[in-house]
């Protein structure tokens, strides 16, 4: 499940690769952190994923750690 914010003007972020603020595509993903089948359903966490629209570099951050 991915939700994308389409207001590109609101998504200027510092890109480590470009070394300047660039437009980013930002989405939220639910990721399973456990590889064990019997605990996987209890280990889903939201992540904020940002992809630079200039160079394509993608970064992610676990939202529970913000």
N, C-alpha and C. Protein backbone atom coordinates (compact mmCIF):
# COMPACT_ATOMS: atom_id res chain seq x y z
N UNK A 1 0.85 -1.17 0.00
CA UNK A 1 0.00 0.00 0.00
C UNK A 1 0.89 1.23 0.00
N UNK A 2 0.72 2.08 -0.98
CA UNK A 2 1.53 3.28 -1.10
C UNK A 2 0.62 4.47 -1.34
N UNK A 3 0.86 5.55 -0.62
CA UNK A 3 0.12 6.80 -0.79
C UNK A 3 1.12 7.85 -1.22
N UNK A 4 0.90 8.49 -2.36
CA UNK A 4 1.82 9.48 -2.89
C UNK A 4 1.20 10.86 -2.79
N UNK A 5 1.96 11.82 -2.29
CA UNK A 5 1.53 13.22 -2.24
C UNK A 5 1.94 13.86 -3.56
N UNK A 6 0.98 14.30 -4.35
CA UNK A 6 1.25 14.78 -5.70
C UNK A 6 1.53 16.27 -5.77
N UNK A 7 1.63 16.98 -4.67
CA UNK A 7 1.94 18.40 -4.67
C UNK A 7 3.45 18.57 -4.69
N UNK A 8 4.06 18.46 -5.85
CA UNK A 8 5.53 18.45 -5.97
C UNK A 8 6.16 19.72 -5.42
N UNK A 9 5.51 20.87 -5.54
CA UNK A 9 6.06 22.11 -5.03
C UNK A 9 6.24 22.10 -3.53
N UNK A 10 5.45 21.30 -2.83
CA UNK A 10 5.54 21.20 -1.39
C UNK A 10 6.62 20.21 -0.95
N UNK A 11 7.23 19.51 -1.87
CA UNK A 11 8.14 18.43 -1.53
C UNK A 11 9.59 18.74 -1.91
N UNK A 12 10.03 19.96 -1.68
CA UNK A 12 11.44 20.28 -1.88
C UNK A 12 12.20 19.80 -0.65
N UNK A 13 13.14 18.90 -0.87
CA UNK A 13 13.93 18.31 0.21
C UNK A 13 15.40 18.39 -0.15
N UNK A 14 16.24 18.38 0.87
CA UNK A 14 17.68 18.34 0.65
C UNK A 14 18.06 16.96 0.14
N UNK A 15 18.69 16.90 -1.00
CA UNK A 15 19.16 15.63 -1.56
C UNK A 15 20.65 15.51 -1.28
N UNK A 16 21.05 14.45 -0.60
CA UNK A 16 22.46 14.24 -0.28
C UNK A 16 23.28 14.03 -1.55
N UNK A 17 22.72 13.39 -2.55
CA UNK A 17 23.42 13.10 -3.79
C UNK A 17 23.60 14.37 -4.63
N UNK A 18 22.55 15.18 -4.75
CA UNK A 18 22.61 16.42 -5.55
C UNK A 18 23.24 17.58 -4.78
N UNK A 19 23.24 17.50 -3.45
CA UNK A 19 23.80 18.53 -2.56
C UNK A 19 23.02 19.84 -2.58
N UNK A 20 21.77 19.81 -3.05
CA UNK A 20 20.88 20.98 -3.05
C UNK A 20 19.45 20.51 -2.77
N UNK A 21 18.55 21.45 -2.55
CA UNK A 21 17.15 21.09 -2.39
C UNK A 21 16.55 20.81 -3.77
N UNK A 22 15.90 19.67 -3.89
CA UNK A 22 15.31 19.26 -5.16
C UNK A 22 13.90 18.75 -4.91
N UNK A 23 13.06 18.69 -5.95
CA UNK A 23 11.72 18.12 -5.77
C UNK A 23 11.81 16.61 -5.53
N UNK A 24 10.99 16.13 -4.63
CA UNK A 24 10.96 14.71 -4.29
C UNK A 24 9.54 14.17 -4.40
N UNK A 25 9.45 12.91 -4.76
CA UNK A 25 8.19 12.17 -4.70
C UNK A 25 8.19 11.48 -3.33
N UNK A 26 7.18 11.74 -2.52
CA UNK A 26 7.14 11.22 -1.16
C UNK A 26 5.95 10.28 -1.02
N UNK A 27 6.20 9.11 -0.40
CA UNK A 27 5.13 8.15 -0.18
C UNK A 27 5.30 7.49 1.18
N UNK A 28 4.25 6.84 1.64
CA UNK A 28 4.27 6.06 2.87
C UNK A 28 4.08 4.60 2.49
N UNK A 29 4.94 3.74 3.00
CA UNK A 29 4.85 2.30 2.75
C UNK A 29 4.76 1.56 4.08
N UNK A 30 3.98 0.50 4.09
CA UNK A 30 3.93 -0.40 5.24
C UNK A 30 4.88 -1.54 4.91
N UNK A 31 5.91 -1.70 5.74
CA UNK A 31 6.91 -2.75 5.50
C UNK A 31 6.89 -3.77 6.63
N UNK A 32 7.09 -5.02 6.27
CA UNK A 32 7.21 -6.09 7.25
C UNK A 32 8.68 -6.24 7.60
N UNK A 33 8.99 -6.14 8.89
CA UNK A 33 10.39 -6.16 9.31
C UNK A 33 10.87 -7.55 9.73
N UNK A 34 9.97 -8.47 9.98
CA UNK A 34 10.37 -9.80 10.42
C UNK A 34 10.36 -10.78 9.25
N UNK A 35 11.35 -11.66 9.22
CA UNK A 35 11.40 -12.71 8.20
C UNK A 35 10.70 -13.98 8.66
N UNK A 36 10.35 -14.04 9.93
CA UNK A 36 9.72 -15.24 10.48
C UNK A 36 8.22 -15.22 10.18
N UNK A 37 7.69 -16.24 9.52
CA UNK A 37 6.28 -16.26 9.13
C UNK A 37 5.30 -16.10 10.30
N UNK A 38 5.62 -16.67 11.45
CA UNK A 38 4.68 -16.63 12.57
C UNK A 38 4.67 -15.28 13.30
N UNK A 39 5.65 -14.41 13.07
CA UNK A 39 5.67 -13.09 13.70
C UNK A 39 5.56 -11.95 12.70
N UNK A 40 5.54 -12.25 11.41
CA UNK A 40 5.53 -11.21 10.37
C UNK A 40 4.32 -10.29 10.50
N UNK A 41 3.16 -10.83 10.84
CA UNK A 41 1.96 -9.99 10.91
C UNK A 41 2.02 -8.99 12.06
N UNK A 42 2.93 -9.19 13.01
CA UNK A 42 3.07 -8.28 14.14
C UNK A 42 4.22 -7.28 13.95
N UNK A 43 4.92 -7.38 12.83
CA UNK A 43 6.12 -6.55 12.65
C UNK A 43 6.00 -5.56 11.50
N UNK A 44 4.81 -5.13 11.18
CA UNK A 44 4.62 -4.15 10.10
C UNK A 44 4.76 -2.74 10.66
N UNK A 45 5.53 -1.93 9.95
CA UNK A 45 5.80 -0.56 10.39
C UNK A 45 5.68 0.40 9.21
N UNK A 46 5.23 1.63 9.46
CA UNK A 46 5.16 2.63 8.38
C UNK A 46 6.53 3.26 8.12
N UNK A 47 6.84 3.45 6.85
CA UNK A 47 8.08 4.10 6.43
C UNK A 47 7.75 5.24 5.49
N UNK A 48 8.45 6.36 5.65
CA UNK A 48 8.35 7.48 4.73
C UNK A 48 9.45 7.29 3.69
N UNK A 49 9.07 7.23 2.42
CA UNK A 49 10.01 6.99 1.33
C UNK A 49 10.02 8.23 0.44
N UNK A 50 11.21 8.78 0.20
CA UNK A 50 11.36 9.96 -0.64
C UNK A 50 12.32 9.64 -1.78
N UNK A 51 11.88 9.95 -3.01
CA UNK A 51 12.71 9.72 -4.19
C UNK A 51 12.96 11.06 -4.86
N UNK A 52 14.24 11.38 -5.05
CA UNK A 52 14.63 12.63 -5.71
C UNK A 52 14.23 12.55 -7.18
N UNK A 53 13.53 13.56 -7.65
CA UNK A 53 13.09 13.58 -9.04
C UNK A 53 14.19 14.04 -9.99
N UNK A 54 15.31 14.51 -9.45
CA UNK A 54 16.43 14.95 -10.29
C UNK A 54 17.41 13.80 -10.55
N UNK A 55 17.80 13.07 -9.49
CA UNK A 55 18.82 12.03 -9.65
C UNK A 55 18.27 10.61 -9.42
N UNK A 56 17.09 10.49 -8.81
CA UNK A 56 16.49 9.18 -8.60
C UNK A 56 16.87 8.50 -7.30
N UNK A 57 17.73 9.12 -6.49
CA UNK A 57 18.12 8.51 -5.21
C UNK A 57 16.92 8.40 -4.28
N UNK A 58 16.80 7.25 -3.62
CA UNK A 58 15.67 7.00 -2.72
C UNK A 58 16.17 6.85 -1.29
N UNK A 59 15.47 7.51 -0.37
CA UNK A 59 15.77 7.36 1.06
C UNK A 59 14.49 6.95 1.77
N UNK A 60 14.64 6.24 2.88
CA UNK A 60 13.46 5.84 3.67
C UNK A 60 13.76 6.04 5.14
N UNK A 61 12.69 6.32 5.90
CA UNK A 61 12.82 6.53 7.34
C UNK A 61 11.63 5.89 8.03
N UNK A 62 11.91 5.12 9.04
CA UNK A 62 10.85 4.49 9.82
C UNK A 62 10.11 5.56 10.59
N UNK A 63 8.80 5.63 10.43
CA UNK A 63 8.01 6.72 10.99
C UNK A 63 7.91 6.63 12.52
N UNK A 64 8.04 5.48 13.10
CA UNK A 64 7.98 5.35 14.54
C UNK A 64 9.24 5.91 15.20
N UNK A 65 10.27 6.20 14.41
CA UNK A 65 11.53 6.74 14.94
C UNK A 65 11.63 8.25 14.73
N UNK A 66 10.60 8.88 14.20
CA UNK A 66 10.65 10.31 13.91
C UNK A 66 10.49 11.11 15.17
